C-alpha atoms as a PDB file:
ATOM      1  CA  MET A   1     150.910-125.425 -38.748  1.00  0.00           C
ATOM      2  CA  ARG A   2     148.005-127.628 -39.117  1.00  0.00           C
ATOM      3  CA  PRO A   3     144.453-126.502 -38.355  1.00  0.00           C
ATOM      4  CA  GLU A   4     142.847-128.698 -35.598  1.00  0.00           C
ATOM      5  CA  PHE A   5     139.092-129.451 -35.044  1.00  0.00           C
ATOM      6  CA  ASP A   6     137.971-128.632 -31.594  1.00  0.00           C
ATOM      7  CA  SER A   7     135.005-130.898 -30.803  1.00  0.00           C
ATOM      8  CA  ARG A   8     133.818-128.409 -27.909  1.00  0.00           C
ATOM      9  CA  HIS A   9     133.306-125.827 -30.529  1.00  0.00           C
ATOM     10  CA  PRO A  10     132.627-127.471 -33.754  1.00  0.00           C
ATOM     11  CA  ASP A  11     132.338-123.986 -35.627  1.00  0.00           C
ATOM     12  CA  ARG A  12     135.801-123.134 -34.592  1.00  0.00           C
ATOM     13  CA  ILE A  13     139.093-123.988 -36.251  1.00  0.00           C
ATOM     14  CA  VAL A  14     141.875-123.935 -33.716  1.00  0.00           C
ATOM     15  CA  MET A  15     145.336-122.885 -34.993  1.00  0.00           C
ATOM     16  CA  VAL A  16     147.799-123.554 -32.177  1.00  0.00           C
ATOM     17  CA  HIS A  17     151.373-124.767 -31.811  1.00  0.00           C
ATOM     18  CA  LYS A  18     150.649-127.655 -29.643  1.00  0.00           C
ATOM     19  CA  PRO A  19     154.275-127.914 -28.152  1.00  0.00           C
ATOM     20  CA  THR A  20     154.243-124.073 -27.107  1.00  0.00           C
ATOM     21  CA  VAL A  21     150.924-124.677 -25.214  1.00  0.00           C
ATOM     22  CA  GLU A  22     152.131-127.798 -23.654  1.00  0.00           C
ATOM     23  CA  ALA A  23     155.533-126.198 -22.718  1.00  0.00           C
ATOM     24  CA  TYR A  24     153.547-123.496 -20.838  1.00  0.00           C
ATOM     25  CA  ASN A  25     151.389-125.918 -19.013  1.00  0.00           C
ATOM     26  CA  LYS A  26     154.665-127.750 -17.960  1.00  0.00           C
ATOM     27  CA  ILE A  27     156.677-124.760 -16.829  1.00  0.00           C
ATOM     28  CA  ALA A  28     153.774-122.677 -15.443  1.00  0.00           C
ATOM     29  CA  LYS A  29     155.144-122.637 -11.878  1.00  0.00           C
ATOM     30  CA  GLU A  30     158.671-122.105 -12.977  1.00  0.00           C
ATOM     31  CA  PHE A  31     157.726-119.259 -15.464  1.00  0.00           C
ATOM     32  CA  HIS A  32     155.741-117.603 -12.713  1.00  0.00           C
ATOM     33  CA  SER A  33     158.723-117.558 -10.339  1.00  0.00           C
ATOM     34  CA  ARG A  34     161.155-116.257 -12.950  1.00  0.00           C
ATOM     35  CA  ASN A  35     159.230-113.694 -14.488  1.00  0.00           C
ATOM     36  CA  ALA A  36     157.935-111.903 -11.448  1.00  0.00           C
ATOM     37  CA  VAL A  37     159.414-108.429 -12.456  1.00  0.00           C
ATOM     38  CA  SER A  38     157.891-106.677 -15.352  1.00  0.00           C
ATOM     39  CA  VAL A  39     159.929-104.222 -17.676  1.00  0.00           C
ATOM     40  CA  TYR A  40     156.599-102.306 -18.493  1.00  0.00           C
ATOM     41  CA  THR A  41     156.504-100.078 -15.459  1.00  0.00           C
ATOM     42  CA  ASN A  42     156.242 -96.845 -17.516  1.00  0.00           C
ATOM     43  CA  GLU A  43     154.030 -98.572 -19.996  1.00  0.00           C
ATOM     44  CA  TYR A  44     151.294 -99.336 -17.506  1.00  0.00           C
ATOM     45  CA  GLY A  45     151.045 -95.679 -16.880  1.00  0.00           C
ATOM     46  CA  THR A  46     151.014 -94.713 -20.454  1.00  0.00           C
ATOM     47  CA  PHE A  47     148.360 -97.202 -21.284  1.00  0.00           C
ATOM     48  CA  THR A  48     146.263 -96.096 -18.512  1.00  0.00           C
ATOM     49  CA  ASP A  49     146.393 -92.459 -19.627  1.00  0.00           C
ATOM     50  CA  LEU A  50     145.357 -93.443 -23.211  1.00  0.00           C
ATOM     51  CA  VAL A  51     142.628 -95.770 -22.337  1.00  0.00           C
ATOM     52  CA  GLY A  52     141.334 -94.184 -19.013  1.00  0.00           C
ATOM     53  CA  LYS A  53     140.853 -95.813 -15.662  1.00  0.00           C
ATOM     54  CA  GLY A  54     137.809 -97.940 -15.333  1.00  0.00           C
ATOM     55  CA  SER A  55     137.820 -98.892 -18.920  1.00  0.00           C
ATOM     56  CA  LYS A  56     137.006-102.479 -19.997  1.00  0.00           C
ATOM     57  CA  ILE A  57     140.113-104.325 -21.398  1.00  0.00           C
ATOM     58  CA  ILE A  58     141.246-107.719 -22.680  1.00  0.00           C
ATOM     59  CA  GLU A  59     144.575-109.113 -21.980  1.00  0.00           C
ATOM     60  CA  ILE A  60     145.532-111.416 -24.998  1.00  0.00           C
ATOM     61  CA  GLY A  61     147.913-114.125 -23.573  1.00  0.00           C
ATOM     62  CA  CYS A  62     147.725-113.310 -19.826  1.00  0.00           C
ATOM     63  CA  GLY A  63     150.008-115.905 -18.610  1.00  0.00           C
ATOM     64  CA  THR A  64     150.110-116.190 -14.704  1.00  0.00           C
ATOM     65  CA  ALA A  65     148.797-112.719 -14.298  1.00  0.00           C
ATOM     66  CA  ARG A  66     152.029-110.740 -13.650  1.00  0.00           C
ATOM     67  CA  ASP A  67     150.446-107.823 -15.720  1.00  0.00           C
ATOM     68  CA  ALA A  68     147.035-108.414 -14.712  1.00  0.00           C
ATOM     69  CA  GLU A  69     147.770-107.885 -11.210  1.00  0.00           C
ATOM     70  CA  GLU A  70     149.022-104.283 -12.223  1.00  0.00           C
ATOM     71  CA  LEU A  71     146.209-103.673 -14.552  1.00  0.00           C
ATOM     72  CA  VAL A  72     143.587-104.600 -11.929  1.00  0.00           C
ATOM     73  CA  LYS A  73     145.427-102.277  -9.406  1.00  0.00           C
ATOM     74  CA  LEU A  74     144.948 -99.501 -11.914  1.00  0.00           C
ATOM     75  CA  GLY A  75     141.083 -99.988 -11.985  1.00  0.00           C
ATOM     76  CA  PHE A  76     140.470-101.582 -15.190  1.00  0.00           C
ATOM     77  CA  ASP A  77     137.504-103.776 -15.792  1.00  0.00           C
ATOM     78  CA  TYR A  78     139.758-106.837 -16.635  1.00  0.00           C
ATOM     79  CA  THR A  79     139.467-109.882 -18.584  1.00  0.00           C
ATOM     80  CA  GLY A  80     142.458-112.242 -19.281  1.00  0.00           C
ATOM     81  CA  ILE A  81     142.698-115.110 -21.881  1.00  0.00           C
ATOM     82  CA  ASP A  82     145.462-117.633 -22.502  1.00  0.00           C
ATOM     83  CA  ALA A  83     145.690-120.947 -24.257  1.00  0.00           C
ATOM     84  CA  SER A  84     147.434-122.608 -21.368  1.00  0.00           C
ATOM     85  CA  LYS A  85     145.435-124.166 -18.641  1.00  0.00           C
ATOM     86  CA  GLY A  86     148.457-124.315 -16.372  1.00  0.00           C
ATOM     87  CA  MET A  87     149.043-120.694 -16.582  1.00  0.00           C
ATOM     88  CA  LEU A  88     145.506-119.741 -16.030  1.00  0.00           C
ATOM     89  CA  GLU A  89     145.327-121.853 -12.921  1.00  0.00           C
ATOM     90  CA  ILE A  90     148.109-119.632 -11.391  1.00  0.00           C
ATOM     91  CA  ALA A  91     146.447-116.496 -12.734  1.00  0.00           C
ATOM     92  CA  LYS A  92     143.137-117.239 -11.261  1.00  0.00           C
ATOM     93  CA  SER A  93     144.607-117.849  -7.870  1.00  0.00           C
ATOM     94  CA  ARG A  94     146.857-114.649  -8.051  1.00  0.00           C
ATOM     95  CA  VAL A  95     144.412-112.093  -9.092  1.00  0.00           C
ATOM     96  CA  LYS A  96     140.996-112.914  -7.582  1.00  0.00           C
ATOM     97  CA  GLU A  97     139.509-109.640  -8.895  1.00  0.00           C
ATOM     98  CA  GLY A  98     140.208-110.486 -12.578  1.00  0.00           C
ATOM     99  CA  LYS A  99     138.150-112.640 -15.002  1.00  0.00           C
ATOM    100  CA  PHE A 100     140.119-115.308 -16.685  1.00  0.00           C
ATOM    101  CA  GLU A 101     139.229-117.599 -19.722  1.00  0.00           C
ATOM    102  CA  ILE A 102     140.903-120.163 -21.860  1.00  0.00           C
ATOM    103  CA  ASP A 103     140.547-118.965 -25.493  1.00  0.00           C
ATOM    104  CA  ASP A 104     141.835-119.090 -28.980  1.00  0.00           C
ATOM    105  CA  PHE A 105     143.676-116.140 -30.350  1.00  0.00           C
ATOM    106  CA  TYR A 106     142.223-116.953 -33.794  1.00  0.00           C
ATOM    107  CA  LYS A 107     138.610-116.850 -32.829  1.00  0.00           C
ATOM    108  CA  LEU A 108     137.826-114.972 -29.616  1.00  0.00           C
ATOM    109  CA  LYS A 109     134.701-115.897 -27.965  1.00  0.00           C
ATOM    110  CA  PHE A 110     133.672-112.299 -27.231  1.00  0.00           C
ATOM    111  CA  ALA A 111     131.252-109.949 -29.262  1.00  0.00           C
ATOM    112  CA  ASP A 112     132.182-107.242 -31.816  1.00  0.00           C
ATOM    113  CA  GLU A 113     133.534-104.055 -30.018  1.00  0.00           C
ATOM    114  CA  ASN A 114     133.197-105.431 -26.614  1.00  0.00           C
ATOM    115  CA  PHE A 115     136.214-103.977 -25.119  1.00  0.00           C
ATOM    116  CA  ASP A 116     137.944-100.247 -24.751  1.00  0.00           C
ATOM    117  CA  GLY A 117     141.221-101.532 -25.426  1.00  0.00           C
ATOM    118  CA  PHE A 118     143.616-104.521 -25.145  1.00  0.00           C
ATOM    119  CA  TRP A 119     147.090-105.679 -23.695  1.00  0.00           C
ATOM    120  CA  ALA A 120     149.194-108.227 -25.465  1.00  0.00           C
ATOM    121  CA  ALA A 121     152.550-108.460 -23.887  1.00  0.00           C
ATOM    122  CA  ALA A 122     154.840-111.123 -25.079  1.00  0.00           C
ATOM    123  CA  SER A 123     152.242-113.220 -26.586  1.00  0.00           C
ATOM    124  CA  LEU A 124     151.803-112.381 -30.246  1.00  0.00           C
ATOM    125  CA  LEU A 125     155.468-113.429 -30.846  1.00  0.00           C
ATOM    126  CA  HIS A 126     154.184-117.111 -30.555  1.00  0.00           C
ATOM    127  CA  VAL A 127     152.088-116.614 -33.796  1.00  0.00           C
ATOM    128  CA  PRO A 128     153.834-117.671 -36.922  1.00  0.00           C
ATOM    129  CA  LYS A 129     154.115-114.746 -39.345  1.00  0.00           C
ATOM    130  CA  LYS A 130     151.902-116.282 -41.984  1.00  0.00           C
ATOM    131  CA  GLU A 131     149.072-116.063 -39.384  1.00  0.00           C
ATOM    132  CA  ILE A 132     149.582-112.787 -37.683  1.00  0.00           C
ATOM    133  CA  ASP A 133     147.106-110.892 -39.928  1.00  0.00           C
ATOM    134  CA  LYS A 134     144.417-113.263 -38.846  1.00  0.00           C
ATOM    135  CA  VAL A 135     144.958-112.725 -35.166  1.00  0.00           C
ATOM    136  CA  ILE A 136     145.307-109.056 -35.331  1.00  0.00           C
ATOM    137  CA  ILE A 137     142.083-108.720 -37.310  1.00  0.00           C
ATOM    138  CA  GLU A 138     140.380-110.968 -34.741  1.00  0.00           C
ATOM    139  CA  ILE A 139     141.746-108.610 -31.952  1.00  0.00           C
ATOM    140  CA  LYS A 140     140.535-105.477 -33.820  1.00  0.00           C
ATOM    141  CA  ARG A 141     136.966-107.138 -34.169  1.00  0.00           C
ATOM    142  CA  VAL A 142     136.467-107.300 -30.278  1.00  0.00           C
ATOM    143  CA  ILE A 143     137.783-103.623 -29.723  1.00  0.00           C
ATOM    144  CA  LYS A 144     135.739-100.473 -30.015  1.00  0.00           C
ATOM    145  CA  LYS A 145     136.481 -97.898 -32.536  1.00  0.00           C
ATOM    146  CA  ASP A 146     139.237 -95.626 -31.394  1.00  0.00           C
ATOM    147  CA  GLY A 147     140.107 -98.392 -28.810  1.00  0.00           C
ATOM    148  CA  ILE A 148     143.723 -98.464 -27.575  1.00  0.00           C
ATOM    149  CA  GLY A 149     145.958-101.415 -27.617  1.00  0.00           C
ATOM    150  CA  PHE A 150     149.469-102.347 -26.262  1.00  0.00           C
ATOM    151  CA  ILE A 151     151.628-104.884 -28.010  1.00  0.00           C
ATOM    152  CA  SER A 152     155.236-106.131 -26.954  1.00  0.00           C
ATOM    153  CA  LEU A 153     157.424-108.318 -29.042  1.00  0.00           C
ATOM    154  CA  LYS A 154     161.123-109.466 -29.002  1.00  0.00           C
ATOM    155  CA  GLN A 155     163.392-107.717 -31.468  1.00  0.00           C
ATOM    156  CA  LYS A 156     164.788-109.782 -34.130  1.00  0.00           C
ATOM    157  CA  THR A 157     168.522-110.588 -33.947  1.00  0.00           C
ATOM    158  CA  VAL A 158     169.468-113.613 -36.021  1.00  0.00           C
ATOM    159  CA  LEU A 159     166.364-115.891 -36.126  1.00  0.00           C
ATOM    160  CA  ASP A 160     163.321-114.657 -38.087  1.00  0.00           C
ATOM    161  CA  GLU A 161     160.911-117.267 -36.761  1.00  0.00           C
ATOM    162  CA  GLY A 162     160.808-121.003 -35.708  1.00  0.00           C
ATOM    163  CA  VAL A 163     160.716-123.466 -32.933  1.00  0.00           C
ATOM    164  CA  ILE A 164     163.408-122.958 -30.251  1.00  0.00           C
ATOM    165  CA  LYS A 165     164.286-125.763 -27.904  1.00  0.00           C
ATOM    166  CA  GLU A 166     165.585-124.633 -24.542  1.00  0.00           C
ATOM    167  CA  SER A 167     168.172-126.582 -22.601  1.00  0.00           C
ATOM    168  CA  LYS A 168     166.604-125.158 -19.450  1.00  0.00           C
ATOM    169  CA  SER A 169     163.190-126.357 -18.304  1.00  0.00           C
ATOM    170  CA  GLY A 170     163.709-129.892 -19.492  1.00  0.00           C
ATOM    171  CA  GLY A 171     164.258-129.214 -23.188  1.00  0.00           C
ATOM    172  CA  ILE A 172     160.809-127.449 -23.712  1.00  0.00           C
ATOM    173  CA  GLU A 173     159.937-126.389 -27.383  1.00  0.00           C
ATOM    174  CA  ARG A 174     158.243-122.988 -28.079  1.00  0.00           C
ATOM    175  CA  TYR A 175     157.436-121.220 -31.313  1.00  0.00           C
ATOM    176  CA  PHE A 176     158.704-117.601 -31.733  1.00  0.00           C
ATOM    177  CA  SER A 177     158.403-114.981 -34.359  1.00  0.00           C
ATOM    178  CA  PHE A 178     160.970-112.024 -34.096  1.00  0.00           C
ATOM    179  CA  TYR A 179     160.335-108.592 -35.519  1.00  0.00           C
ATOM    180  CA  VAL A 180     162.133-105.315 -36.347  1.00  0.00           C
ATOM    181  CA  LYS A 181     160.321-102.233 -35.645  1.00  0.00           C
ATOM    182  CA  ASN A 182     158.873-100.991 -38.962  1.00  0.00           C
ATOM    183  CA  GLU A 183     158.000-104.685 -40.001  1.00  0.00           C
ATOM    184  CA  PHE A 184     155.497-105.055 -37.220  1.00  0.00           C
ATOM    185  CA  LYS A 185     154.333-101.579 -37.745  1.00  0.00           C
ATOM    186  CA  ASP A 186     153.447-102.206 -41.231  1.00  0.00           C
ATOM    187  CA  ILE A 187     151.421-105.387 -40.420  1.00  0.00           C
ATOM    188  CA  LEU A 188     149.369-103.202 -37.776  1.00  0.00           C
ATOM    189  CA  GLU A 189     148.744-100.430 -40.154  1.00  0.00           C
ATOM    190  CA  ARG A 190     147.422-102.577 -43.058  1.00  0.00           C
ATOM    191  CA  ASN A 191     145.038-104.374 -40.487  1.00  0.00           C
ATOM    192  CA  GLY A 192     143.311-101.166 -39.363  1.00  0.00           C
ATOM    193  CA  PHE A 193     145.305 -99.736 -36.382  1.00  0.00           C
ATOM    194  CA  SER A 194     147.286 -96.601 -36.310  1.00  0.00           C
ATOM    195  CA  VAL A 195     150.530 -96.682 -34.294  1.00  0.00           C
ATOM    196  CA  LEU A 196     150.565 -93.906 -31.745  1.00  0.00           C
ATOM    197  CA  ASN A 197     154.110 -94.678 -30.318  1.00  0.00           C
ATOM    198  CA  ILE A 198     156.810 -97.160 -30.268  1.00  0.00           C
ATOM    199  CA  VAL A 199     159.118 -97.540 -27.483  1.00  0.00           C
ATOM    200  CA  LYS A 200     161.851-100.189 -26.548  1.00  0.00           C
ATOM    201  CA  GLN A 201     162.783-101.752 -23.294  1.00  0.00           C
ATOM    202  CA  GLN A 202     165.845-103.817 -22.430  1.00  0.00           C
ATOM    203  CA  GLU A 203     165.341-106.783 -20.008  1.00  0.00           C
ATOM    204  CA  ASP A 204     168.074-107.293 -17.516  1.00  0.00           C
ATOM    205  CA  ASP A 205     168.672-111.008 -18.442  1.00  0.00           C
ATOM    206  CA  LYS A 206     171.601-112.876 -19.885  1.00  0.00           C
ATOM    207  CA  ASP A 207     170.562-112.330 -23.278  1.00  0.00           C
ATOM    208  CA  GLN A 208     169.779-108.499 -22.721  1.00  0.00           C
ATOM    209  CA  THR A 209     166.607-109.161 -24.633  1.00  0.00           C
ATOM    210  CA  ILE A 210     165.025-105.923 -26.336  1.00  0.00           C
ATOM    211  CA  TRP A 211     161.240-105.613 -26.356  1.00  0.00           C
ATOM    212  CA  ILE A 212     159.591-103.467 -28.958  1.00  0.00           C
ATOM    213  CA  CYS A 213     156.414-101.801 -27.546  1.00  0.00           C
ATOM    214  CA  TYR A 214     153.568-100.723 -29.721  1.00  0.00           C
ATOM    215  CA  PHE A 215     150.772 -98.363 -28.585  1.00  0.00           C
ATOM    216  CA  VAL A 216     148.019 -98.434 -31.099  1.00  0.00           C
ATOM    217  CA  LYS A 217     144.534 -97.087 -31.715  1.00  0.00           C
ATOM    218  CA  LYS A 218     141.856 -98.844 -33.794  1.00  0.00           C
ATOM    219  CA  ILE A 219     140.933 -96.797 -36.792  1.00  0.00           C
END
């Protein structure tokens, strides 16, 4: 992927897969309607127990605020970021109590050690594997020492990573990286996180997608 210059932030290099962001802008309403039910019901509770109610958290890739809706109800001081304007428009209208901003995973606009924890469900899977260390390090930067995080990724079956063109939704293209359990665990540990627990959730869809979920702590 080619670095692109963002004239609004001349000190920032934006590393995005444009078709993926454009795809989410295009399908925001449809995505919102077909992703209303979360598989992370148990994980919300575990995350709350680990971070503590009322803690200040950031969601990396908030989408249309499905998880934000639950996290705000649980009493978190919540900020959600996403690269898609279309998704954020829905998020802002859906969860009035949350704070939402467009931002770049590679260079977050927040100060060092600004949050007690983070939530990153089904978002880091859009980062190419050669870039994932940069994103993990940037997330770590904005989290306090001993801060807690949650990450979910799709389990690898055949494809390791690449652009997937879907026949539904008008043939949109999105970039995906798939992992096996210990592969991503190693990435987290080499970048300053200890892995507290790993669980798997199977989605009730035609592909029977398996999500690998990591609870982590900043060392």
